[in-house]
Every structure is written in structure tokens, then in C-alpha cells.
C-alpha atoms as a PDB file:
ATOM      1  CA  MET A   1       0.000   0.000   0.000  1.00  0.00           C
ATOM      2  CA  THR A   2       1.176   3.500  -0.811  1.00  0.00           C
ATOM      3  CA  HIS A   3       0.935   6.004   2.082  1.00  0.00           C
ATOM      4  CA  ILE A   4       1.206   9.773   1.960  1.00  0.00           C
ATOM      5  CA  VAL A   5       0.967  12.000   5.026  1.00  0.00           C
ATOM      6  CA  LYS A   6      -0.392  15.530   4.485  1.00  0.00           C
ATOM      7  CA  ASP A   7      -1.600  18.013   7.128  1.00  0.00           C
ATOM      8  CA  GLY A   8      -1.709  15.319   9.811  1.00  0.00           C
ATOM      9  CA  HIS A   9      -3.785  12.878   7.748  1.00  0.00           C
ATOM     10  CA  THR A  10      -2.564   9.612   6.252  1.00  0.00           C
ATOM     11  CA  PHE A  11      -3.804   8.763   2.762  1.00  0.00           C
ATOM     12  CA  GLY A  12      -3.483   5.263   1.410  1.00  0.00           C
ATOM     13  CA  VAL A  13      -4.246   3.542  -1.862  1.00  0.00           C
ATOM     14  CA  GLU A  14      -4.039  -0.195  -2.366  1.00  0.00           C
ATOM     15  CA  ARG A  15      -4.549  -2.108  -5.613  1.00  0.00           C
ATOM     16  CA  ASP A  16      -4.785  -5.807  -6.247  1.00  0.00           C
ATOM     17  CA  LEU A  17      -2.834  -7.218  -9.171  1.00  0.00           C
ATOM     18  CA  LEU A  18      -4.485 -10.024 -11.101  1.00  0.00           C
ATOM     19  CA  GLU A  19      -2.265 -12.530 -12.856  1.00  0.00           C
ATOM     20  CA  VAL A  20      -3.379 -13.058 -16.449  1.00  0.00           C
ATOM     21  CA  THR A  21      -0.406 -15.021 -17.792  1.00  0.00           C
ATOM     22  CA  SER A  22      -1.525 -17.021 -20.817  1.00  0.00           C
ATOM     23  CA  LEU A  23      -0.309 -20.152 -22.575  1.00  0.00           C
ATOM     24  CA  HIS A  24      -2.341 -19.166 -25.682  1.00  0.00           C
ATOM     25  CA  ARG A  25      -2.441 -15.491 -26.613  1.00  0.00           C
ATOM     26  CA  PRO A  26      -2.202 -13.550 -29.880  1.00  0.00           C
ATOM     27  CA  ASP A  27       1.309 -13.241 -31.299  1.00  0.00           C
ATOM     28  CA  PRO A  28       1.560  -9.649 -32.586  1.00  0.00           C
ATOM     29  CA  THR A  29       4.617 -10.580 -34.704  1.00  0.00           C
ATOM     30  CA  TRP A  30       2.574 -13.106 -36.701  1.00  0.00           C
ATOM     31  CA  GLN A  31       1.742 -12.190 -40.284  1.00  0.00           C
ATOM     32  CA  TYR A  32       0.580 -14.455 -43.089  1.00  0.00           C
ATOM     33  CA  THR A  33      -0.058 -13.816 -46.780  1.00  0.00           C
ATOM     34  CA  ASP A  34      -2.451 -16.352 -48.318  1.00  0.00           C
ATOM     35  CA  ALA A  35      -2.251 -17.773 -51.860  1.00  0.00           C
ATOM     36  CA  ALA A  36      -4.433 -14.930 -53.192  1.00  0.00           C
ATOM     37  CA  GLY A  37      -2.099 -12.291 -51.724  1.00  0.00           C
ATOM     38  CA  HIS A  38      -4.321 -11.246 -48.803  1.00  0.00           C
ATOM     39  CA  VAL A  39      -2.300 -10.220 -45.725  1.00  0.00           C
ATOM     40  CA  HIS A  40      -3.530 -11.388 -42.318  1.00  0.00           C
ATOM     41  CA  GLN A  41      -2.255 -10.099 -38.948  1.00  0.00           C
ATOM     42  CA  TRP A  42      -3.466  -9.213 -35.469  1.00  0.00           C
ATOM     43  CA  HIS A  43      -5.068  -5.800 -34.864  1.00  0.00           C
ATOM     44  CA  THR A  44      -6.079  -3.736 -31.844  1.00  0.00           C
ATOM     45  CA  GLY A  45      -9.059  -1.724 -33.006  1.00  0.00           C
ATOM     46  CA  ARG A  46      -8.137  -0.484 -36.494  1.00  0.00           C
ATOM     47  CA  ILE A  47      -4.391  -0.527 -35.845  1.00  0.00           C
ATOM     48  CA  VAL A  48      -1.981  -3.386 -36.606  1.00  0.00           C
ATOM     49  CA  ALA A  49      -0.756  -4.845 -33.301  1.00  0.00           C
ATOM     50  CA  THR A  50       2.929  -4.269 -32.605  1.00  0.00           C
ATOM     51  CA  SER A  51       3.059  -5.501 -29.010  1.00  0.00           C
ATOM     52  CA  TYR A  52       0.971  -7.496 -26.573  1.00  0.00           C
ATOM     53  CA  ARG A  53      -0.942  -6.233 -23.547  1.00  0.00           C
ATOM     54  CA  PRO A  54      -3.301  -8.536 -21.641  1.00  0.00           C
ATOM     55  CA  ASP A  55      -5.863  -5.754 -21.139  1.00  0.00           C
ATOM     56  CA  VAL A  56      -6.343  -5.076 -24.878  1.00  0.00           C
ATOM     57  CA  HIS A  57      -8.708  -6.850 -27.313  1.00  0.00           C
ATOM     58  CA  TYR A  58      -7.012  -8.423 -30.353  1.00  0.00           C
ATOM     59  CA  HIS A  59      -8.683  -9.535 -33.582  1.00  0.00           C
ATOM     60  CA  ILE A  60      -7.863 -10.326 -37.210  1.00  0.00           C
ATOM     61  CA  PRO A  61     -10.316  -8.311 -39.315  1.00  0.00           C
ATOM     62  CA  THR A  62      -9.516 -10.227 -42.531  1.00  0.00           C
ATOM     63  CA  LEU A  63     -10.645 -13.568 -41.083  1.00  0.00           C
ATOM     64  CA  VAL A  64     -14.018 -15.051 -40.279  1.00  0.00           C
ATOM     65  CA  LEU A  65     -14.586 -17.840 -37.729  1.00  0.00           C
ATOM     66  CA  ILE A  66     -16.384 -20.874 -39.178  1.00  0.00           C
ATOM     67  CA  VAL A  67     -18.198 -23.292 -36.840  1.00  0.00           C
ATOM     68  CA  ASP A  68     -17.659 -26.837 -38.148  1.00  0.00           C
ATOM     69  CA  VAL A  69     -19.396 -28.632 -35.275  1.00  0.00           C
ATOM     70  CA  PRO A  70     -21.572 -26.709 -32.790  1.00  0.00           C
ATOM     71  CA  ALA A  71     -20.807 -26.917 -29.077  1.00  0.00           C
ATOM     72  CA  THR A  72     -22.643 -29.436 -26.934  1.00  0.00           C
ATOM     73  CA  GLU A  73     -22.931 -29.752 -23.162  1.00  0.00           C
ATOM     74  CA  GLU A  74     -19.889 -32.056 -23.196  1.00  0.00           C
ATOM     75  CA  TYR A  75     -17.719 -30.596 -25.967  1.00  0.00           C
ATOM     76  CA  PRO A  76     -16.712 -27.148 -27.190  1.00  0.00           C
ATOM     77  CA  ALA A  77     -17.431 -26.147 -30.775  1.00  0.00           C
ATOM     78  CA  ALA A  78     -15.011 -27.253 -33.487  1.00  0.00           C
ATOM     79  CA  THR A  79     -14.000 -24.183 -35.508  1.00  0.00           C
ATOM     80  CA  HIS A  80     -11.516 -22.833 -38.016  1.00  0.00           C
ATOM     81  CA  HIS A  81     -10.700 -19.427 -39.550  1.00  0.00           C
ATOM     82  CA  GLU A  82     -11.050 -18.493 -43.204  1.00  0.00           C
ATOM     83  CA  CYS A  83     -10.037 -15.453 -45.230  1.00  0.00           C
ATOM     84  CA  ARG A  84     -13.085 -13.202 -45.678  1.00  0.00           C
ATOM     85  CA  GLN A  85     -12.199 -12.619 -49.338  1.00  0.00           C
ATOM     86  CA  CYS A  86     -11.038 -15.942 -50.748  1.00  0.00           C
ATOM     87  CA  GLY A  87     -12.073 -18.557 -48.166  1.00  0.00           C
ATOM     88  CA  GLU A  88      -8.589 -20.021 -47.629  1.00  0.00           C
ATOM     89  CA  THR A  89      -8.233 -21.696 -44.226  1.00  0.00           C
ATOM     90  CA  ILE A  90      -5.828 -19.689 -42.044  1.00  0.00           C
ATOM     91  CA  GLU A  91      -4.343 -20.697 -38.694  1.00  0.00           C
ATOM     92  CA  PRO A  92      -3.739 -17.475 -36.686  1.00  0.00           C
ATOM     93  CA  GLY A  93      -0.447 -17.118 -34.836  1.00  0.00           C
ATOM     94  CA  TYR A  94      -0.542 -17.616 -31.084  1.00  0.00           C
ATOM     95  CA  ARG A  95       2.162 -17.978 -28.461  1.00  0.00           C
ATOM     96  CA  ALA A  96       2.605 -18.373 -24.713  1.00  0.00           C
ATOM     97  CA  ASP A  97       3.560 -15.409 -22.540  1.00  0.00           C
ATOM     98  CA  ASP A  98       7.302 -15.416 -21.903  1.00  0.00           C
ATOM     99  CA  HIS A  99       6.934 -13.645 -18.558  1.00  0.00           C
ATOM    100  CA  THR A 100       4.239 -13.259 -15.911  1.00  0.00           C
ATOM    101  CA  GLN A 101       1.496 -10.795 -16.936  1.00  0.00           C
ATOM    102  CA  TYR A 102      -0.634  -8.740 -14.539  1.00  0.00           C
ATOM    103  CA  ILE A 103      -3.474  -6.269 -14.850  1.00  0.00           C
ATOM    104  CA  GLY A 104      -4.722  -3.864 -12.198  1.00  0.00           C
ATOM    105  CA  GLY A 105      -7.621  -5.093 -10.128  1.00  0.00           C
ATOM    106  CA  THR A 106      -9.720  -3.636  -7.335  1.00  0.00           C
ATOM    107  CA  MET A 107      -8.528  -0.417  -5.726  1.00  0.00           C
ATOM    108  CA  ARG A 108      -9.074   0.428  -2.072  1.00  0.00           C
ATOM    109  CA  TYR A 109      -8.780   3.876  -0.512  1.00  0.00           C
ATOM    110  CA  TYR A 110      -7.939   4.844   3.065  1.00  0.00           C
ATOM    111  CA  VAL A 111      -7.889   8.080   5.049  1.00  0.00           C
ATOM    112  CA  ASP A 112      -6.220   7.776   8.470  1.00  0.00           C
ATOM    113  CA  ASP A 113      -6.235   3.964   8.056  1.00  0.00           C
ATOM    114  CA  ARG A 114     -10.044   4.003   7.660  1.00  0.00           C
ATOM    115  CA  PRO A 115     -11.468   2.475   4.442  1.00  0.00           C
ATOM    116  CA  VAL A 116     -13.366   5.078   2.376  1.00  0.00           C
ATOM    117  CA  GLN A 117     -15.027   5.279  -1.025  1.00  0.00           C
ATOM    118  CA  LYS A 118     -13.026   6.849  -3.868  1.00  0.00           C
ATOM    119  CA  SER A 119     -15.253   9.951  -3.813  1.00  0.00           C
ATOM    120  CA  GLU A 120     -14.577  10.524  -0.101  1.00  0.00           C
ATOM    121  CA  PHE A 121     -10.843   9.973  -0.659  1.00  0.00           C
ATOM    122  CA  ILE A 122     -10.867  12.656  -3.375  1.00  0.00           C
ATOM    123  CA  GLU A 123     -12.822  15.069  -1.132  1.00  0.00           C
ATOM    124  CA  TRP A 124     -10.277  14.644   1.675  1.00  0.00           C
ATOM    125  CA  ALA A 125      -7.350  15.012  -0.744  1.00  0.00           C
ATOM    126  CA  LYS A 126      -8.769  18.259  -2.153  1.00  0.00           C
ATOM    127  CA  ARG A 127      -9.486  19.567   1.363  1.00  0.00           C
ATOM    128  CA  VAL A 128      -5.823  19.278   2.388  1.00  0.00           C
ATOM    129  CA  GLY A 129      -4.366  20.200  -1.024  1.00  0.00           C
ATOM    130  CA  LEU A 130      -2.999  16.749  -1.852  1.00  0.00           C
ATOM    131  CA  PRO A 131      -2.247  16.669  -5.600  1.00  0.00           C
ATOM    132  CA  LEU A 132      -3.889  13.774  -7.419  1.00  0.00           C
ATOM    133  CA  PRO A 133      -2.706  12.253 -10.705  1.00  0.00           C
ATOM    134  CA  GLU A 134      -4.535  13.384 -13.847  1.00  0.00           C
ATOM    135  CA  GLY A 135      -7.603  11.230 -14.457  1.00  0.00           C
ATOM    136  CA  PHE A 136      -7.785  10.094 -10.821  1.00  0.00           C
END
């Protein structure tokens, strides 16, 4: 927990870290050109992915997911990807994380070691002139 003392009051912020290490995540270095010359690679939004972050959504806009066998109560669906333009079957590039990945989880706020809501924490901070980071 981070503590700051200002005007006789102790302010604390604590944040859980959630491990999200994956054995199967998009490989942003993967790129494939099919027989028809269509280039396929991972994107984040409309931008080609150049790195991996566990808190970002990745997709390949040039591919469509085809369900070969629907899911049942006992088995997941059998699927494959195809090029949206020519229908060639494409196997997207995945990899395992090479180091432990974390994302920020629940935050807790304290004033004088007493748990408070974020809004009350901000009120107290403003009252004593404690600078808060932009977007806090």
C-alpha cells in the first residue's frame, strides 16, 4: 500500500494485481499472406498490433470464424478461420507469454487507516491540497 501523510492525515491507496499469464495469446509478430495475396495479422481496433498487452482486445479483421461442429454440453465447438475474401483456411499465430502478466484489479482507498469510497478519498485530498494524478 502506498501512504502519503499531508496536514496530519494519512492517505493510502491499495490495488490488487491479477495474474493473467496465458499459454495461448495472440502473437503480434505473426503475419501471413495467403495464396491470393491477402495479408492477415493481429489488430487492436483499427491498428496493426505491434506488441501485446493482456488488457487489450485483439482480432484479425480479414478472417471469419467458421463453426464446423456446434458446441454441446460435453464438448466445445469445433471451428476454423477463413479469409473473408477468398475462403482459404488460415491458422492465426498464437504464443505463450514469456513472462508473468498482470493487470490492475480492485482499488481500495484509506484516510487515516479508515477504508473510504473513492469519492470521499478525493474530497479529503482536495481539502488538504494533496495533488492527485490526472484522471484520478
